[in-house]
Amino acid sequence: MGIYKTNGIILKRKDFGEADKLVTIFTDSEGKINVKAKGIRWLLSKNKGHLELFNYSDLMIAEGKEIDTVASAFTLESFKRIKEDLKKTAVAFYLAELCDKLIPFKEKNKKIFDLLLESLRHLDRDEKPKILTRYFELNLLATLGFKPEVNLCVHCRKQLLPIFNFFSSKLGGVCCPSCCQKFDPKSLKISKKALSTLRLLLSYNLETVLRFKIDKETEREVEGISENFLKYVAEKKFKSPRFLQEIENE
């Protein structure tokens, strides 16, 4: 049994025994891992503050027969402003839940790790959380191999109409009215502005995307399309969106 060093973002924590916790961590070098944090629920635990939700921490992990154990932890970034704001916390919960439910254990993916870390940094600075969330959803799916087609009709491969088209989660992207009627009548109508926004979200880095001004109506349309596509591809139910919606409605 050995010890390995990695940096990771705390996705989830669960009580284990009288004083321990099981901690799900998305690391830059080992992928998503489950580890045991011994004695972390004790008031004077040296690792207690370094394994808080959403923390980006430097970790020493001791290998075990059944489960690895945190030997030491040191906070690199705590994202304090996220934790002090309920709406930001709700968004962070959602991003963490997506990673927890969609990324297999021990599957290394530095691109998604960097996406999550960058998203938390921008969220901590209070930069357009709704568009940030859409960016994260779509680029997470794209990196996992489910990038939606937004440049040509996903079925016939012809140029899209200049005014309006449809988004089909079933077909995997934007389709022309003709293909929509034939192959997915339940597809969602997509405006020119929303289509341009999808292209923006999938073509530029997050820092660049956040500089653009997107009107509220287009923002809501893209939200519906992105969430519908995510739900179809993932085939999973997520708890965080309901919590996020409740917070936004207060």
Foldseek 3Di string as FASTA:
>chain_A
DAKDKWKWAWLDWADDPDAKIWTWTATQPQGIFTAIEPRLNPPPDQCVVQRDHGFTWIFMWADDPVHIYTPHIDTPDDLVQLVVDQLSVLLLNVLSQCSVQPTDGRDHDNPLRVLSVVLSVVSSVVQPSLLSSLLNLQVVCVSVPQHADLQAALPPRHGEDQFKWWADLVSRYTHHPVCCVVPPVPTGIDGNLLSVLSCVSVPDDPVVSSVDDDDPVSSVVSSVRSVVNSCSVSVDDDDSVVVSVVVVVD
